[in-house]
């Protein structure tokens, strides 16, 4: 059964174009209609084509090995987790709890913001991640209109996926990642197409994650007020509000749009189970410039 970690697949013959990036980021080259070369390129990966997931401290990561799991009410079909590694314990609990509830997961489809505007509207890559807990392989999202980065450098600094990879490697060492990066200006049509492509993976043991931090750069008081609003939207499945949100509420508004569309296509109405809530001030950060975290799962009945 499909589960969603908010990041699809289409028939590769439907790929109309891909983008390749120069190593120096100097330009974008568009290839149209050359499906054979696109396919061959996407299948080839040098042993040097590995993203070094260096977003977390080795010792602090090791210390999170003792973070206890929590029991999840229901069967999780989607998840929302922070990528800000200040709250590394929350990331550890998210994946440890998920391992208890869903040990069958073989593929994590991670939808991340394109924080550094490195790609196109929707981008992907097939580079492995080297982490403190071992390497995790990746495969590209195959979808009409998606752009595959051909240089490992393009998304090397993207913590939306890289900061989660060590926890996946530790708890799900046999799993793979399909990374999906979405720019802020991505249009509704490509988001709907992304949801449709993810639905096609329902025969795989896949889980889709929305990689998201919540309120950004607000005072502690205002952040917590906003987070109550965001949590209400998540619990009430108000995809319209979530899809229009700015960084005062979430940095992954497009991920929520994809998730809502996916649930509609799957004809399911999961309930949001809150796993953890915290703000950066809980870790000693500046009370006048916070980041907050609402982690949890969308679950359906076990019956």
Protein backbone atom coordinates (compact mmCIF):
# COMPACT_ATOMS: atom_id res chain seq x y z
CA UNK A 1 0.00 0.00 0.00
CA UNK A 2 1.15 3.52 -0.75
CA UNK A 3 2.19 5.70 2.13
CA UNK A 4 3.11 9.36 1.73
CA UNK A 5 6.52 10.99 3.12
CA UNK A 6 6.19 14.68 1.75
CA UNK A 7 8.34 13.89 -2.75
CA UNK A 8 6.10 9.54 -8.45
CA UNK A 9 6.48 7.87 -11.50
CA UNK A 10 5.20 7.95 -15.03
CA UNK A 11 5.91 5.81 -17.99
CA UNK A 12 9.39 6.80 -19.10
CA UNK A 13 8.16 7.05 -22.69
CA UNK A 14 6.06 10.02 -21.59
CA UNK A 15 9.15 12.08 -20.72
CA UNK A 16 9.08 15.02 -23.09
CA UNK A 17 12.18 16.82 -21.86
CA UNK A 18 14.80 16.86 -19.19
CA UNK A 19 17.27 19.44 -17.97
CA UNK A 20 20.96 18.81 -17.47
CA UNK A 21 23.08 21.13 -15.39
CA UNK A 22 26.72 22.07 -15.86
CA UNK A 23 29.00 21.38 -12.89
CA UNK A 24 29.62 25.10 -12.46
CA UNK A 25 25.87 25.89 -12.48
CA UNK A 26 26.59 28.12 -15.47
CA UNK A 27 23.68 27.02 -17.58
CA UNK A 28 20.71 24.81 -18.16
CA UNK A 29 20.63 22.69 -21.32
CA UNK A 30 17.26 21.45 -22.49
CA UNK A 31 17.06 18.20 -24.44
CA UNK A 32 13.79 17.55 -26.23
CA UNK A 33 12.71 14.37 -27.97
CA UNK A 34 15.89 12.37 -27.33
CA UNK A 35 14.34 9.73 -25.10
CA UNK A 36 17.04 7.09 -25.66
CA UNK A 37 19.83 9.35 -24.45
CA UNK A 38 17.70 10.56 -21.54
CA UNK A 39 17.03 7.01 -20.43
CA UNK A 40 20.66 5.92 -20.76
CA UNK A 41 21.88 8.93 -18.82
CA UNK A 42 19.40 8.43 -16.00
CA UNK A 43 20.43 4.78 -15.61
CA UNK A 44 24.17 5.49 -15.39
CA UNK A 45 25.69 6.56 -12.10
CA UNK A 46 29.38 6.86 -11.38
CA UNK A 47 30.66 5.69 -8.02
CA UNK A 48 31.70 9.32 -7.50
CA UNK A 49 28.12 10.52 -7.94
CA UNK A 50 27.24 10.52 -4.26
CA UNK A 51 25.75 13.30 -2.17
CA UNK A 52 27.62 13.65 1.11
CA UNK A 53 24.90 14.13 3.74
CA UNK A 54 26.95 16.34 6.05
CA UNK A 55 24.10 18.27 7.64
CA UNK A 56 24.34 16.75 11.11
CA UNK A 57 27.08 16.26 13.68
CA UNK A 58 28.24 12.64 13.96
CA UNK A 59 28.25 12.59 17.76
CA UNK A 60 24.86 14.26 18.10
CA UNK A 61 23.43 11.85 15.54
CA UNK A 62 24.80 8.89 17.48
CA UNK A 63 23.20 10.24 20.66
CA UNK A 64 19.76 10.18 19.02
CA UNK A 65 19.95 6.39 18.77
CA UNK A 66 18.33 6.17 22.20
CA UNK A 67 15.36 8.44 21.43
CA UNK A 68 12.29 6.31 22.16
CA UNK A 69 9.55 5.60 19.66
CA UNK A 70 5.94 6.57 20.23
CA UNK A 71 2.95 4.41 19.39
CA UNK A 72 1.08 5.70 16.33
CA UNK A 73 -2.71 5.58 16.35
CA UNK A 74 -3.74 4.02 13.05
CA UNK A 75 -1.86 2.98 9.92
CA UNK A 76 0.39 5.81 8.64
CA UNK A 77 0.07 6.59 4.95
CA UNK A 78 1.88 9.94 4.93
CA UNK A 79 4.27 11.89 7.11
CA UNK A 80 5.45 15.41 7.86
CA UNK A 81 8.89 15.88 9.44
CA UNK A 82 11.30 18.75 10.06
CA UNK A 83 14.56 19.21 8.16
CA UNK A 84 16.05 21.73 10.62
CA UNK A 85 18.65 19.59 12.39
CA UNK A 86 18.60 21.65 15.57
CA UNK A 87 15.64 19.42 16.47
CA UNK A 88 17.44 16.20 15.56
CA UNK A 89 15.70 14.27 18.31
CA UNK A 90 12.35 14.90 16.61
CA UNK A 91 13.68 13.52 13.34
CA UNK A 92 14.99 10.44 15.15
CA UNK A 93 11.64 9.80 16.86
CA UNK A 94 9.75 10.27 13.59
CA UNK A 95 11.67 7.52 11.81
CA UNK A 96 11.93 5.21 14.81
CA UNK A 97 8.18 5.38 15.42
CA UNK A 98 7.53 4.85 11.74
CA UNK A 99 9.79 1.78 11.70
CA UNK A 100 7.65 0.19 14.42
CA UNK A 101 4.39 0.93 12.58
CA UNK A 102 5.56 0.43 8.98
CA UNK A 103 8.61 -1.88 8.81
CA UNK A 104 7.59 -2.79 5.24
CA UNK A 105 8.64 0.53 3.68
CA UNK A 106 11.09 0.10 0.80
CA UNK A 107 10.89 3.52 -0.89
CA UNK A 108 10.75 7.01 0.59
CA UNK A 109 9.39 9.65 -1.76
CA UNK A 110 10.53 12.90 -0.18
CA UNK A 111 8.97 16.18 -1.29
CA UNK A 112 11.24 19.04 -0.30
CA UNK A 113 11.31 22.76 -0.96
CA UNK A 114 13.97 23.76 -3.46
CA UNK A 115 15.51 26.05 -0.83
CA UNK A 116 18.31 27.39 -3.04
CA UNK A 117 16.30 27.58 -6.29
CA UNK A 118 18.74 25.16 -7.88
CA UNK A 119 16.32 23.41 -10.23
CA UNK A 120 13.20 23.91 -12.30
CA UNK A 121 9.58 23.91 -11.08
CA UNK A 122 9.89 20.26 -10.06
CA UNK A 123 13.29 18.58 -10.02
CA UNK A 124 14.77 15.22 -9.08
CA UNK A 125 18.01 13.25 -9.21
CA UNK A 126 19.31 9.67 -8.97
CA UNK A 127 22.40 10.23 -6.82
CA UNK A 128 23.00 8.16 -3.69
CA UNK A 129 23.43 9.73 -0.24
CA UNK A 130 26.45 8.91 1.93
CA UNK A 131 25.49 9.18 5.61
CA UNK A 132 26.84 8.38 9.05
CA UNK A 133 24.63 5.27 9.07
CA UNK A 134 25.59 4.05 5.59
CA UNK A 135 24.73 4.84 2.00
CA UNK A 136 21.18 5.17 0.70
CA UNK A 137 20.50 4.75 -3.00
CA UNK A 138 18.18 7.04 -4.94
CA UNK A 139 16.23 6.87 -8.12
CA UNK A 140 14.80 9.74 -10.13
CA UNK A 141 11.14 10.63 -10.32
CA UNK A 142 9.92 9.70 -13.79
CA UNK A 143 7.21 12.13 -14.83
CA UNK A 144 6.42 14.26 -17.83
CA UNK A 145 7.77 17.73 -17.08
CA UNK A 146 10.12 16.83 -14.23
CA UNK A 147 13.76 17.94 -14.56
CA UNK A 148 16.56 15.59 -13.58
CA UNK A 149 19.82 17.13 -12.31
CA UNK A 150 22.84 15.48 -13.96
CA UNK A 151 25.43 16.99 -11.63
CA UNK A 152 25.75 15.80 -8.05
CA UNK A 153 26.58 19.38 -7.06
CA UNK A 154 23.17 20.82 -7.89
CA UNK A 155 21.34 19.57 -4.81
CA UNK A 156 24.36 18.75 -2.65
CA UNK A 157 23.44 21.55 -0.22
CA UNK A 158 19.72 20.76 -0.15
CA UNK A 159 19.00 19.80 3.44
CA UNK A 160 15.33 19.12 2.74
CA UNK A 161 16.37 15.59 1.74
CA UNK A 162 19.98 15.36 2.89
CA UNK A 163 19.16 16.04 6.54
CA UNK A 164 16.69 13.13 6.57
CA UNK A 165 18.90 10.58 4.79
CA UNK A 166 20.94 9.50 7.88
CA UNK A 167 17.80 8.61 9.81
CA UNK A 168 16.42 6.61 6.89
CA UNK A 169 19.76 4.80 6.56
CA UNK A 170 19.71 3.90 10.25
CA UNK A 171 16.11 2.74 10.55
CA UNK A 172 15.47 1.49 6.98
CA UNK A 173 18.90 0.45 5.64
CA UNK A 174 17.45 -1.42 2.66
CA UNK A 175 15.20 1.43 1.54
CA UNK A 176 15.78 3.86 -1.30
CA UNK A 177 14.87 7.52 -1.82
CA UNK A 178 13.06 9.28 -4.64
CA UNK A 179 13.90 12.97 -4.05
CA UNK A 180 11.55 15.65 -5.36
CA UNK A 181 12.38 19.36 -5.08
CA UNK A 182 9.73 22.01 -5.75
CA UNK A 183 10.37 25.69 -6.36
CA UNK A 184 8.05 28.31 -4.83
CA UNK A 185 6.67 29.38 -8.22
CA UNK A 186 5.66 25.85 -9.32
CA UNK A 187 2.27 25.85 -11.05
CA UNK A 188 -0.84 23.93 -10.04
CA UNK A 189 -0.76 21.76 -13.16
CA UNK A 190 2.66 20.28 -12.43
CA UNK A 191 1.68 19.72 -8.79
CA UNK A 192 -1.40 17.76 -9.86
CA UNK A 193 0.77 15.77 -12.26
CA UNK A 194 3.17 15.01 -9.42
CA UNK A 195 0.33 13.68 -7.28
CA UNK A 196 -0.89 11.51 -10.14
CA UNK A 197 2.60 10.10 -10.65
CA UNK A 198 2.92 9.24 -6.96
CA UNK A 199 -0.39 7.41 -7.09
CA UNK A 200 1.09 5.11 -9.73
CA UNK A 201 3.53 3.85 -7.09
CA UNK A 202 0.74 2.42 -4.94
CA UNK A 203 1.88 -1.12 -5.75
CA UNK A 204 5.26 -0.42 -4.14
CA UNK A 205 6.00 -0.38 -0.42
CA UNK A 206 6.42 3.39 -0.64
CA UNK A 207 6.03 6.14 1.92
CA UNK A 208 5.82 9.83 1.03
CA UNK A 209 7.28 12.47 3.30
CA UNK A 210 6.62 16.19 3.35
CA UNK A 211 9.93 17.64 4.46
CA UNK A 212 8.84 20.81 6.23
CA UNK A 213 9.78 23.26 8.91
CA UNK A 214 6.89 25.43 9.99
CA UNK A 215 6.98 29.11 11.05
CA UNK A 216 10.20 30.96 10.22
CA UNK A 217 11.96 34.01 11.70
CA UNK A 218 9.11 35.11 13.97
CA UNK A 219 9.11 35.85 17.68
CA UNK A 220 8.48 32.83 19.87
CA UNK A 221 5.03 34.14 20.81
CA UNK A 222 3.95 34.79 17.22
CA UNK A 223 5.39 31.50 16.00
CA UNK A 224 3.32 29.52 18.47
CA UNK A 225 0.17 31.43 17.51
CA UNK A 226 0.80 30.69 13.84
CA UNK A 227 1.60 27.06 14.56
CA UNK A 228 -1.80 26.55 16.17
CA UNK A 229 -3.34 27.79 12.92
CA UNK A 230 -1.13 25.50 10.83
CA UNK A 231 -1.92 22.50 13.01
CA UNK A 232 -5.63 23.24 12.64
CA UNK A 233 -5.23 23.29 8.84
CA UNK A 234 -3.35 19.99 8.95
CA UNK A 235 -5.92 18.32 11.19
CA UNK A 236 -8.88 19.64 9.22
CA UNK A 237 -7.14 18.84 5.89
CA UNK A 238 -7.55 22.41 4.70
CA UNK A 239 -5.36 21.94 1.63
CA UNK A 240 -6.35 25.31 0.20
CA UNK A 241 -5.02 27.23 3.19
CA UNK A 242 -1.90 25.08 3.41
CA UNK A 243 -1.27 25.51 -0.31
CA UNK A 244 -1.40 29.30 -0.01
CA UNK A 245 0.72 29.52 3.15
CA UNK A 246 4.01 31.41 3.30
CA UNK A 247 7.07 30.87 5.49
CA UNK A 248 5.24 32.33 8.46
CA UNK A 249 3.41 28.99 8.56
CA UNK A 250 5.28 26.35 6.49
CA UNK A 251 8.06 26.23 3.90
CA UNK A 252 6.45 23.28 2.08
CA UNK A 253 3.12 24.61 0.87
CA UNK A 254 3.43 22.79 -2.46
CA UNK A 255 4.03 19.50 -0.70
CA UNK A 256 0.70 19.86 1.05
CA UNK A 257 -1.00 20.65 -2.27
CA UNK A 258 0.41 17.46 -3.75
CA UNK A 259 -0.64 15.48 -0.69
CA UNK A 260 -4.20 16.75 -0.73
CA UNK A 261 -4.53 15.98 -4.44
CA UNK A 262 -3.10 12.51 -3.86
CA UNK A 263 -5.60 11.73 -1.11
CA UNK A 264 -8.41 12.85 -3.42
CA UNK A 265 -7.21 10.56 -6.21
CA UNK A 266 -6.87 7.67 -3.76
CA UNK A 267 -10.35 8.36 -2.33
CA UNK A 268 -9.11 8.31 1.26
CA UNK A 269 -9.48 10.77 4.14
CA UNK A 270 -6.70 10.08 6.65
CA UNK A 271 -6.58 11.74 10.05
CA UNK A 272 -3.53 13.70 11.20
CA UNK A 273 -1.75 12.17 14.19
CA UNK A 274 0.48 14.68 15.97
CA UNK A 275 3.77 13.10 17.00
CA UNK A 276 5.78 16.10 18.21
CA UNK A 277 5.66 19.86 18.39
CA UNK A 278 8.56 22.14 19.28
CA UNK A 279 10.18 25.46 18.44
CA UNK A 280 13.84 26.34 18.14
CA UNK A 281 13.56 28.28 21.42
CA UNK A 282 13.03 24.93 23.16
CA UNK A 283 16.63 24.22 22.15
CA UNK A 284 18.00 27.55 23.38
CA UNK A 285 17.72 29.52 20.13
CA UNK A 286 16.93 33.25 19.79
CA UNK A 287 13.37 34.03 20.93
CA UNK A 288 13.06 36.76 18.32
CA UNK A 289 13.94 34.63 15.28
CA UNK A 290 12.48 31.17 15.58
CA UNK A 291 11.83 28.07 13.51
CA UNK A 292 9.13 25.62 14.55
CA UNK A 293 8.30 21.97 13.92
CA UNK A 294 5.03 20.05 13.66
CA UNK A 295 5.77 16.37 13.04
CA UNK A 296 3.23 13.65 12.53
CA UNK A 297 1.50 11.19 10.25
CA UNK A 298 -1.66 11.01 8.22
CA UNK A 299 -3.20 7.69 9.23
CA UNK A 300 -6.10 5.45 8.26
CA UNK A 301 -7.87 2.78 10.28
CA UNK A 302 -6.01 -0.47 10.89
CA UNK A 303 -9.25 -2.37 10.18
